[in-house]
Amino acid sequence: MKPTSSDKQLTVALAAFRADLRRFLHYSELAAEKAGLLPQQHQLLLQVAGVPPDTLVTVAYIAERLQLQHNSAVELCKRCEAAGFLVRDKLKENRRYVILQLTPSGKKMLGRLSRDHARELRLWAPEMIASLNKIILLDGESEGEIE
């Protein structure tokens, strides 16, 4: 099957969005490092604080949210606990589960980083939204094509 001009346009739009996304992720990584965190530590704190209501913040939950192996998530949690940003506690009802909570220091660190990230996203949002809208528009056009 020969690529069409709409295939090329979609590829260009996807590449532009991926570049926008990577630019933001790079900003995020540098901001975390400047604050004294590894980027994955920042992501861990964000996931612990941003848990949906009635969801237990377990190591398994964090592993899934960060797309890590369970043992890697355990090590990441241990490092954040050692740095004073996180506490791990056994669930009273079922001691097999370890529940994660931010410390006041972790909340303060995350609050500062979250405000910085929100400011950056406000700057970059129009470009990112335009990229996404172009992808949606182009992908909608390709759905009607016959193969």
N, C-alpha and C. Protein backbone atom coordinates (compact mmCIF):
# COMPACT_ATOMS: atom_id res chain seq x y z
N MET A 1 0.84 -1.18 0.00
CA MET A 1 0.00 0.00 0.00
C MET A 1 0.89 1.24 0.00
N LYS A 2 0.65 2.12 -0.93
CA LYS A 2 1.46 3.33 -1.09
C LYS A 2 0.99 4.41 -0.09
N PRO A 3 1.96 5.03 0.64
CA PRO A 3 1.58 6.10 1.56
C PRO A 3 0.94 7.27 0.81
N THR A 4 -0.09 7.86 1.40
CA THR A 4 -0.76 9.00 0.79
C THR A 4 -0.24 10.29 1.39
N SER A 5 -0.66 11.41 0.81
CA SER A 5 -0.24 12.70 1.37
C SER A 5 -0.83 12.89 2.76
N SER A 6 -2.01 12.33 3.03
CA SER A 6 -2.57 12.45 4.38
C SER A 6 -1.77 11.61 5.38
N ASP A 7 -1.18 10.47 4.91
CA ASP A 7 -0.29 9.69 5.78
C ASP A 7 0.92 10.55 6.17
N LYS A 8 1.47 11.25 5.20
CA LYS A 8 2.63 12.10 5.44
C LYS A 8 2.26 13.23 6.40
N GLN A 9 1.11 13.85 6.18
CA GLN A 9 0.66 14.93 7.07
C GLN A 9 0.46 14.43 8.50
N LEU A 10 -0.10 13.24 8.62
CA LEU A 10 -0.31 12.66 9.95
C LEU A 10 1.04 12.38 10.62
N THR A 11 1.98 11.85 9.87
CA THR A 11 3.32 11.59 10.41
C THR A 11 3.98 12.88 10.86
N VAL A 12 3.86 13.93 10.07
CA VAL A 12 4.44 15.23 10.42
C VAL A 12 3.77 15.76 11.70
N ALA A 13 2.46 15.64 11.79
CA ALA A 13 1.73 16.12 12.98
C ALA A 13 2.12 15.31 14.22
N LEU A 14 2.24 14.00 14.07
CA LEU A 14 2.66 13.16 15.20
C LEU A 14 4.07 13.51 15.65
N ALA A 15 4.95 13.75 14.69
CA ALA A 15 6.33 14.12 15.03
C ALA A 15 6.36 15.46 15.76
N ALA A 16 5.55 16.41 15.33
CA ALA A 16 5.50 17.72 15.99
C ALA A 16 4.99 17.58 17.42
N PHE A 17 3.93 16.79 17.60
CA PHE A 17 3.40 16.59 18.94
C PHE A 17 4.42 15.90 19.82
N ARG A 18 5.09 14.89 19.29
CA ARG A 18 6.09 14.15 20.06
C ARG A 18 7.23 15.08 20.47
N ALA A 19 7.62 16.00 19.60
CA ALA A 19 8.66 16.97 19.94
C ALA A 19 8.17 17.92 21.05
N ASP A 20 6.91 18.37 20.95
CA ASP A 20 6.34 19.22 22.00
C ASP A 20 6.33 18.49 23.34
N LEU A 21 5.88 17.25 23.31
CA LEU A 21 5.80 16.45 24.52
C LEU A 21 7.19 16.22 25.11
N ARG A 22 8.15 15.89 24.27
CA ARG A 22 9.50 15.65 24.75
C ARG A 22 10.11 16.92 25.32
N ARG A 23 9.82 18.08 24.72
CA ARG A 23 10.31 19.35 25.23
C ARG A 23 9.78 19.58 26.66
N PHE A 24 8.50 19.30 26.87
CA PHE A 24 7.94 19.45 28.22
C PHE A 24 8.56 18.45 29.19
N LEU A 25 8.71 17.20 28.76
CA LEU A 25 9.30 16.20 29.64
C LEU A 25 10.74 16.56 30.00
N HIS A 26 11.47 17.11 29.04
CA HIS A 26 12.84 17.54 29.31
C HIS A 26 12.84 18.67 30.34
N TYR A 27 11.93 19.63 30.18
CA TYR A 27 11.79 20.70 31.17
C TYR A 27 11.52 20.09 32.55
N SER A 28 10.60 19.12 32.60
CA SER A 28 10.23 18.49 33.87
C SER A 28 11.42 17.80 34.53
N GLU A 29 12.20 17.09 33.73
CA GLU A 29 13.37 16.40 34.26
C GLU A 29 14.38 17.39 34.84
N LEU A 30 14.64 18.47 34.11
CA LEU A 30 15.59 19.48 34.58
C LEU A 30 15.08 20.18 35.84
N ALA A 31 13.78 20.47 35.89
CA ALA A 31 13.20 21.13 37.07
C ALA A 31 13.32 20.23 38.30
N ALA A 32 13.07 18.93 38.13
CA ALA A 32 13.21 18.00 39.26
C ALA A 32 14.65 17.97 39.74
N GLU A 33 15.58 17.87 38.81
CA GLU A 33 17.00 17.82 39.18
C GLU A 33 17.45 19.11 39.86
N LYS A 34 16.97 20.24 39.38
CA LYS A 34 17.30 21.53 39.99
C LYS A 34 16.78 21.61 41.42
N ALA A 35 15.64 20.97 41.66
CA ALA A 35 15.05 20.94 43.01
C ALA A 35 15.71 19.90 43.92
N GLY A 36 16.60 19.08 43.35
CA GLY A 36 17.30 18.08 44.15
C GLY A 36 16.70 16.70 44.11
N LEU A 37 15.85 16.46 43.13
CA LEU A 37 15.21 15.14 42.97
C LEU A 37 15.64 14.50 41.66
N LEU A 38 15.61 13.20 41.63
CA LEU A 38 15.69 12.50 40.36
C LEU A 38 14.33 12.62 39.69
N PRO A 39 14.27 12.66 38.37
CA PRO A 39 12.96 12.78 37.70
C PRO A 39 11.96 11.72 38.14
N GLN A 40 12.41 10.48 38.34
CA GLN A 40 11.46 9.43 38.78
C GLN A 40 10.96 9.68 40.19
N GLN A 41 11.79 10.30 41.04
CA GLN A 41 11.32 10.64 42.38
C GLN A 41 10.20 11.67 42.29
N HIS A 42 10.37 12.65 41.43
CA HIS A 42 9.31 13.65 41.23
C HIS A 42 8.03 12.96 40.76
N GLN A 43 8.15 12.05 39.80
CA GLN A 43 6.97 11.35 39.29
C GLN A 43 6.30 10.52 40.38
N LEU A 44 7.10 9.90 41.24
CA LEU A 44 6.55 9.13 42.36
C LEU A 44 5.75 10.04 43.29
N LEU A 45 6.33 11.17 43.68
CA LEU A 45 5.63 12.10 44.57
C LEU A 45 4.33 12.57 43.93
N LEU A 46 4.38 12.86 42.64
CA LEU A 46 3.19 13.32 41.92
C LEU A 46 2.09 12.25 41.93
N GLN A 47 2.46 11.01 41.70
CA GLN A 47 1.46 9.94 41.67
C GLN A 47 0.88 9.65 43.06
N VAL A 48 1.72 9.75 44.09
CA VAL A 48 1.22 9.53 45.46
C VAL A 48 0.22 10.62 45.82
N ALA A 49 0.56 11.87 45.51
CA ALA A 49 -0.31 12.99 45.85
C ALA A 49 -1.55 13.05 44.98
N GLY A 50 -1.45 12.58 43.75
CA GLY A 50 -2.55 12.70 42.79
C GLY A 50 -3.43 11.47 42.68
N VAL A 51 -3.43 10.63 43.70
CA VAL A 51 -4.21 9.40 43.67
C VAL A 51 -5.71 9.72 43.65
N PRO A 52 -6.49 9.01 42.84
CA PRO A 52 -7.94 9.21 42.85
C PRO A 52 -8.53 8.85 44.22
N PRO A 53 -9.67 9.46 44.55
CA PRO A 53 -10.31 9.13 45.84
C PRO A 53 -10.58 7.63 45.96
N ASP A 54 -10.51 7.14 47.17
CA ASP A 54 -10.78 5.73 47.49
C ASP A 54 -9.81 4.75 46.83
N THR A 55 -8.61 5.22 46.49
CA THR A 55 -7.58 4.35 45.92
C THR A 55 -6.43 4.25 46.90
N LEU A 56 -6.03 3.02 47.21
CA LEU A 56 -4.89 2.83 48.10
C LEU A 56 -3.60 3.06 47.31
N VAL A 57 -2.71 3.84 47.88
CA VAL A 57 -1.44 4.10 47.22
C VAL A 57 -0.46 3.03 47.69
N THR A 58 -0.41 1.96 46.94
CA THR A 58 0.48 0.84 47.24
C THR A 58 1.66 0.88 46.27
N VAL A 59 2.64 0.06 46.55
CA VAL A 59 3.78 -0.05 45.64
C VAL A 59 3.30 -0.57 44.29
N ALA A 60 2.37 -1.51 44.29
CA ALA A 60 1.84 -2.04 43.03
C ALA A 60 1.15 -0.94 42.22
N TYR A 61 0.41 -0.08 42.89
CA TYR A 61 -0.25 1.05 42.22
C TYR A 61 0.80 1.95 41.56
N ILE A 62 1.86 2.27 42.32
CA ILE A 62 2.92 3.13 41.81
C ILE A 62 3.65 2.46 40.64
N ALA A 63 3.92 1.18 40.77
CA ALA A 63 4.60 0.45 39.69
C ALA A 63 3.79 0.54 38.39
N GLU A 64 2.49 0.38 38.51
CA GLU A 64 1.63 0.44 37.32
C GLU A 64 1.60 1.86 36.75
N ARG A 65 1.44 2.86 37.60
CA ARG A 65 1.34 4.24 37.14
C ARG A 65 2.64 4.73 36.49
N LEU A 66 3.79 4.28 37.01
CA LEU A 66 5.07 4.71 36.47
C LEU A 66 5.64 3.72 35.45
N GLN A 67 4.90 2.63 35.20
CA GLN A 67 5.35 1.60 34.26
C GLN A 67 6.72 1.05 34.65
N LEU A 68 6.83 0.68 35.93
CA LEU A 68 8.06 0.10 36.47
C LEU A 68 7.81 -1.33 36.92
N GLN A 69 8.87 -2.10 36.99
CA GLN A 69 8.79 -3.42 37.61
C GLN A 69 8.58 -3.19 39.11
N HIS A 70 7.91 -4.12 39.78
CA HIS A 70 7.60 -3.97 41.20
C HIS A 70 8.86 -3.70 42.03
N ASN A 71 9.92 -4.47 41.78
CA ASN A 71 11.14 -4.28 42.58
C ASN A 71 11.78 -2.90 42.34
N SER A 72 11.66 -2.37 41.14
CA SER A 72 12.18 -1.03 40.86
C SER A 72 11.36 0.03 41.60
N ALA A 73 10.04 -0.19 41.66
CA ALA A 73 9.18 0.74 42.40
C ALA A 73 9.50 0.70 43.89
N VAL A 74 9.78 -0.48 44.42
CA VAL A 74 10.16 -0.61 45.84
C VAL A 74 11.42 0.20 46.11
N GLU A 75 12.42 0.06 45.26
CA GLU A 75 13.69 0.79 45.44
C GLU A 75 13.47 2.30 45.34
N LEU A 76 12.65 2.72 44.40
CA LEU A 76 12.35 4.15 44.25
C LEU A 76 11.67 4.68 45.51
N CYS A 77 10.73 3.92 46.05
CA CYS A 77 10.04 4.31 47.29
C CYS A 77 11.02 4.39 48.46
N LYS A 78 11.93 3.44 48.53
CA LYS A 78 12.93 3.45 49.61
C LYS A 78 13.80 4.70 49.52
N ARG A 79 14.21 5.08 48.31
CA ARG A 79 15.04 6.27 48.14
C ARG A 79 14.29 7.54 48.54
N CYS A 80 13.01 7.62 48.19
CA CYS A 80 12.21 8.79 48.57
C CYS A 80 11.97 8.81 50.07
N GLU A 81 11.82 7.65 50.66
CA GLU A 81 11.65 7.59 52.12
C GLU A 81 12.94 8.03 52.81
N ALA A 82 14.08 7.56 52.34
CA ALA A 82 15.37 7.93 52.92
C ALA A 82 15.63 9.43 52.79
N ALA A 83 15.12 10.04 51.73
CA ALA A 83 15.29 11.48 51.52
C ALA A 83 14.30 12.31 52.35
N GLY A 84 13.35 11.62 53.00
CA GLY A 84 12.40 12.32 53.85
C GLY A 84 11.16 12.84 53.15
N PHE A 85 10.90 12.37 51.92
CA PHE A 85 9.74 12.85 51.16
C PHE A 85 8.53 11.93 51.26
N LEU A 86 8.72 10.74 51.76
CA LEU A 86 7.70 9.70 51.71
C LEU A 86 7.79 8.83 52.96
N VAL A 87 6.65 8.35 53.42
CA VAL A 87 6.64 7.32 54.48
C VAL A 87 5.90 6.11 53.94
N ARG A 88 6.41 4.96 54.34
CA ARG A 88 5.76 3.69 53.98
C ARG A 88 5.23 3.10 55.27
N ASP A 89 3.98 2.63 55.21
CA ASP A 89 3.36 2.07 56.40
C ASP A 89 2.52 0.87 55.99
N LYS A 90 2.50 -0.14 56.84
CA LYS A 90 1.68 -1.32 56.57
C LYS A 90 0.21 -0.99 56.80
N LEU A 91 -0.64 -1.48 55.94
CA LEU A 91 -2.09 -1.32 56.09
C LEU A 91 -2.53 -2.13 57.30
N LYS A 92 -3.25 -1.50 58.20
CA LYS A 92 -3.67 -2.18 59.43
C LYS A 92 -4.54 -3.41 59.16
N GLU A 93 -5.42 -3.31 58.17
CA GLU A 93 -6.34 -4.41 57.87
C GLU A 93 -5.66 -5.59 57.18
N ASN A 94 -4.58 -5.31 56.47
CA ASN A 94 -3.88 -6.37 55.74
C ASN A 94 -2.40 -5.98 55.68
N ARG A 95 -1.61 -6.54 56.57
CA ARG A 95 -0.21 -6.15 56.75
C ARG A 95 0.66 -6.46 55.51
N ARG A 96 0.11 -7.19 54.53
CA ARG A 96 0.89 -7.46 53.31
C ARG A 96 1.02 -6.22 52.44
N TYR A 97 0.11 -5.25 52.61
CA TYR A 97 0.11 -4.05 51.77
C TYR A 97 0.88 -2.92 52.44
N VAL A 98 1.74 -2.28 51.67
CA VAL A 98 2.46 -1.10 52.13
C VAL A 98 1.78 0.12 51.50
N ILE A 99 1.37 1.04 52.37
CA ILE A 99 0.70 2.25 51.92
C ILE A 99 1.72 3.39 51.93
N LEU A 100 1.68 4.22 50.91
CA LEU A 100 2.62 5.32 50.75
C LEU A 100 1.93 6.65 51.01
N GLN A 101 2.62 7.53 51.73
CA GLN A 101 2.10 8.87 51.99
C GLN A 101 3.25 9.87 51.91
N LEU A 102 2.93 11.07 51.45
CA LEU A 102 3.94 12.12 51.42
C LEU A 102 4.15 12.70 52.81
N THR A 103 5.36 13.07 53.10
CA THR A 103 5.67 13.80 54.33
C THR A 103 5.41 15.28 54.07
N PRO A 104 5.39 16.11 55.10
CA PRO A 104 5.27 17.55 54.86
C PRO A 104 6.37 18.07 53.92
N SER A 105 7.57 17.55 54.06
CA SER A 105 8.67 17.94 53.17
C SER A 105 8.37 17.53 51.72
N GLY A 106 7.83 16.33 51.53
CA GLY A 106 7.46 15.87 50.20
C GLY A 106 6.36 16.71 49.60
N LYS A 107 5.38 17.09 50.41
CA LYS A 107 4.28 17.94 49.93
C LYS A 107 4.80 19.31 49.50
N LYS A 108 5.71 19.85 50.29
CA LYS A 108 6.28 21.17 49.97
C LYS A 108 7.07 21.11 48.66
N MET A 109 7.91 20.09 48.52
CA MET A 109 8.71 19.93 47.31
C MET A 109 7.79 19.78 46.10
N LEU A 110 6.79 18.92 46.20
CA LEU A 110 5.88 18.68 45.09
C LEU A 110 5.08 19.92 44.75
N GLY A 111 4.65 20.66 45.77
CA GLY A 111 3.88 21.88 45.52
C GLY A 111 4.67 22.88 44.69
N ARG A 112 5.93 23.07 45.03
CA ARG A 112 6.78 24.01 44.30
C ARG A 112 6.95 23.54 42.85
N LEU A 113 7.25 22.25 42.67
CA LEU A 113 7.43 21.72 41.31
C LEU A 113 6.13 21.77 40.50
N SER A 114 5.02 21.49 41.15
CA SER A 114 3.73 21.51 40.44
C SER A 114 3.39 22.91 39.96
N ARG A 115 3.64 23.92 40.79
CA ARG A 115 3.38 25.30 40.35
C ARG A 115 4.27 25.66 39.16
N ASP A 116 5.54 25.27 39.21
CA ASP A 116 6.45 25.53 38.09
C ASP A 116 5.98 24.84 36.82
N HIS A 117 5.55 23.58 36.95
CA HIS A 117 5.09 22.82 35.79
C HIS A 117 3.81 23.43 35.21
N ALA A 118 2.91 23.86 36.07
CA ALA A 118 1.66 24.46 35.59
C ALA A 118 1.94 25.74 34.81
N ARG A 119 2.90 26.56 35.29
CA ARG A 119 3.28 27.77 34.57
C ARG A 119 3.82 27.43 33.17
N GLU A 120 4.68 26.44 33.10
CA GLU A 120 5.24 26.04 31.80
C GLU A 120 4.16 25.52 30.86
N LEU A 121 3.26 24.71 31.40
CA LEU A 121 2.18 24.17 30.56
C LEU A 121 1.27 25.29 30.03
N ARG A 122 1.04 26.31 30.84
CA ARG A 122 0.23 27.44 30.35
C ARG A 122 0.90 28.08 29.14
N LEU A 123 2.22 28.14 29.15
CA LEU A 123 2.95 28.72 28.01
C LEU A 123 2.89 27.82 26.78
N TRP A 124 3.03 26.53 27.00
CA TRP A 124 3.15 25.58 25.88
C TRP A 124 1.82 24.97 25.45
N ALA A 125 0.78 25.15 26.24
CA ALA A 125 -0.50 24.50 25.95
C ALA A 125 -1.06 24.82 24.56
N PRO A 126 -1.06 26.08 24.13
CA PRO A 126 -1.64 26.35 22.80
C PRO A 126 -0.98 25.55 21.68
N GLU A 127 0.35 25.46 21.72
CA GLU A 127 1.07 24.72 20.69
C GLU A 127 0.76 23.22 20.79
N MET A 128 0.72 22.70 22.01
CA MET A 128 0.45 21.27 22.19
C MET A 128 -0.99 20.93 21.79
N ILE A 129 -1.92 21.79 22.15
CA ILE A 129 -3.33 21.57 21.79
C ILE A 129 -3.50 21.62 20.27
N ALA A 130 -2.82 22.57 19.64
CA ALA A 130 -2.90 22.66 18.17
C ALA A 130 -2.36 21.40 17.53
N SER A 131 -1.24 20.87 18.06
CA SER A 131 -0.68 19.62 17.52
C SER A 131 -1.66 18.47 17.69
N LEU A 132 -2.25 18.36 18.86
CA LEU A 132 -3.22 17.28 19.10
C LEU A 132 -4.44 17.42 18.20
N ASN A 133 -4.95 18.63 18.07
CA ASN A 133 -6.11 18.84 17.21
C ASN A 133 -5.82 18.46 15.76
N LYS A 134 -4.61 18.76 15.30
CA LYS A 134 -4.23 18.41 13.93
C LYS A 134 -4.21 16.89 13.75
N ILE A 135 -3.67 16.20 14.75
CA ILE A 135 -3.64 14.73 14.70
C ILE A 135 -5.05 14.17 14.66
N ILE A 136 -5.92 14.68 15.51
CA ILE A 136 -7.30 14.20 15.55
C ILE A 136 -8.00 14.45 14.23
N LEU A 137 -7.80 15.64 13.67
CA LEU A 137 -8.41 15.98 12.39
C LEU A 137 -7.89 15.07 11.27
N LEU A 138 -6.58 14.90 11.20
CA LEU A 138 -5.99 14.06 10.15
C LEU A 138 -6.36 12.60 10.32
N ASP A 139 -6.37 12.13 11.56
CA ASP A 139 -6.73 10.72 11.80
C ASP A 139 -8.20 10.48 11.46
N GLY A 140 -9.04 11.47 11.70
CA GLY A 140 -10.46 11.34 11.33
C GLY A 140 -10.64 11.24 9.83
N GLU A 141 -9.80 11.94 9.09
CA GLU A 141 -9.86 11.87 7.62
C GLU A 141 -9.44 10.49 7.13
N SER A 142 -8.44 9.89 7.80
CA SER A 142 -7.94 8.60 7.33
C SER A 142 -8.88 7.44 7.66
N GLU A 143 -9.77 7.64 8.65
CA GLU A 143 -10.68 6.55 9.00
C GLU A 143 -11.65 6.23 7.87
N GLY A 144 -11.93 7.22 7.03
CA GLY A 144 -12.87 6.99 5.94
C GLY A 144 -12.24 6.36 4.71
N GLU A 145 -10.92 6.21 4.71
CA GLU A 145 -10.25 5.67 3.54
C GLU A 145 -10.45 4.16 3.45
N ILE A 146 -10.49 3.69 2.24
CA ILE A 146 -10.61 2.25 1.99
C ILE A 146 -9.23 1.70 1.71
N GLU A 147 -8.91 0.61 2.34
CA GLU A 147 -7.58 0.00 2.13
C GLU A 147 -7.58 -0.94 0.98
